[in-house]
Protein backbone atom coordinates (compact mmCIF):
# COMPACT_ATOMS: atom_id res chain seq x y z
CA MET A 1 11.45 25.44 -40.72
CA ILE A 2 8.14 23.57 -40.99
CA LYS A 3 7.34 24.47 -37.39
CA ALA A 4 7.98 28.17 -38.11
CA PHE A 5 5.72 27.94 -41.16
CA PHE A 6 2.81 26.54 -39.16
CA ILE A 7 3.37 29.03 -36.33
CA ALA A 8 3.25 31.89 -38.84
CA TRP A 9 0.10 30.52 -40.52
CA GLY A 10 -1.48 29.82 -37.13
CA GLY A 11 -0.98 33.45 -36.11
CA LEU A 12 -2.93 34.77 -39.09
CA PRO A 13 -6.69 35.23 -39.03
CA TRP A 14 -8.43 32.27 -40.70
CA ARG A 15 -9.68 34.22 -43.70
CA LYS A 16 -6.19 34.89 -45.02
CA PRO A 17 -4.92 31.27 -45.04
CA LEU A 18 -8.28 30.14 -46.41
CA ALA A 19 -8.09 32.65 -49.26
CA MET A 20 -4.47 31.67 -49.95
CA THR A 21 -5.39 27.99 -50.00
CA ALA A 22 -8.31 28.63 -52.37
CA ALA A 23 -5.99 30.56 -54.69
CA VAL A 24 -3.37 27.81 -54.65
CA ILE A 25 -5.98 25.13 -55.38
CA THR A 26 -7.35 27.20 -58.28
CA ILE A 27 -3.86 27.75 -59.71
CA ILE A 28 -3.02 24.05 -59.41
CA MET A 29 -6.22 23.03 -61.19
CA ILE A 30 -5.75 25.52 -64.01
CA PHE A 31 -2.05 24.71 -64.40
CA GLY A 32 -2.80 20.97 -64.31
CA ALA A 33 -5.45 21.36 -67.01
CA TRP A 34 -3.01 23.37 -69.13
CA ILE A 35 -0.18 20.83 -68.72
CA THR A 36 -2.36 17.81 -69.50
CA GLY A 37 -4.23 19.58 -72.29
CA ARG A 38 -7.59 18.58 -70.83
CA ASP A 39 -10.51 20.77 -69.88
CA ILE A 40 -11.62 21.18 -66.29
CA PRO A 41 -14.99 19.38 -65.97
CA ASP A 42 -18.05 21.63 -65.88
CA ASN A 43 -19.06 20.64 -62.36
CA ALA A 44 -15.54 21.26 -61.01
CA SER A 45 -15.24 24.64 -62.73
CA THR A 46 -18.68 25.71 -61.46
CA ALA A 47 -17.78 24.64 -57.92
CA LEU A 48 -14.47 26.47 -58.23
CA ILE A 49 -16.20 29.67 -59.38
CA TRP A 50 -18.68 29.62 -56.49
CA PHE A 51 -16.09 28.55 -53.91
CA ASP A 52 -13.56 31.19 -54.95
CA GLY A 53 -16.24 33.86 -55.27
CA VAL A 54 -17.50 33.32 -51.74
CA ILE A 55 -14.06 32.94 -50.14
CA PHE A 56 -12.45 35.92 -51.89
CA SER A 57 -15.47 38.18 -51.37
CA TRP A 58 -15.49 37.31 -47.69
CA ALA A 59 -11.74 37.83 -47.28
CA TYR A 60 -11.64 41.15 -49.17
CA GLY A 61 -14.82 42.39 -47.51
CA THR A 62 -13.60 41.75 -43.97
CA SER A 63 -10.18 43.23 -44.77
CA ALA A 64 -11.84 46.37 -46.15
CA ALA A 65 -14.08 46.62 -43.10
CA GLU A 66 -11.04 46.31 -40.81
CA ALA A 67 -9.16 48.95 -42.79
CA ILE A 68 -12.07 51.37 -42.52
CA LYS A 69 -12.48 50.65 -38.80
CA ASN A 70 -8.74 51.19 -38.18
CA ALA A 71 -8.70 54.41 -40.23
CA LYS A 72 -11.46 55.88 -38.05
CA LYS A 73 -9.44 55.33 -34.86
């Protein structure tokens, strides 16, 4: 099962697993802060905003470009 998981992830373009990983890390940090009742430190939240902004913009932008390129074919 683990081997099938890594084969499936390995077959995807890198931007999709990277975007999924960034989303999971963000969810874990927010959920952890909610469970513990503590705030996310300012430097961590700023890094998270920039990191997620760059990764998600890149992933959505390349997916949109591919969709447009495939629609023209």
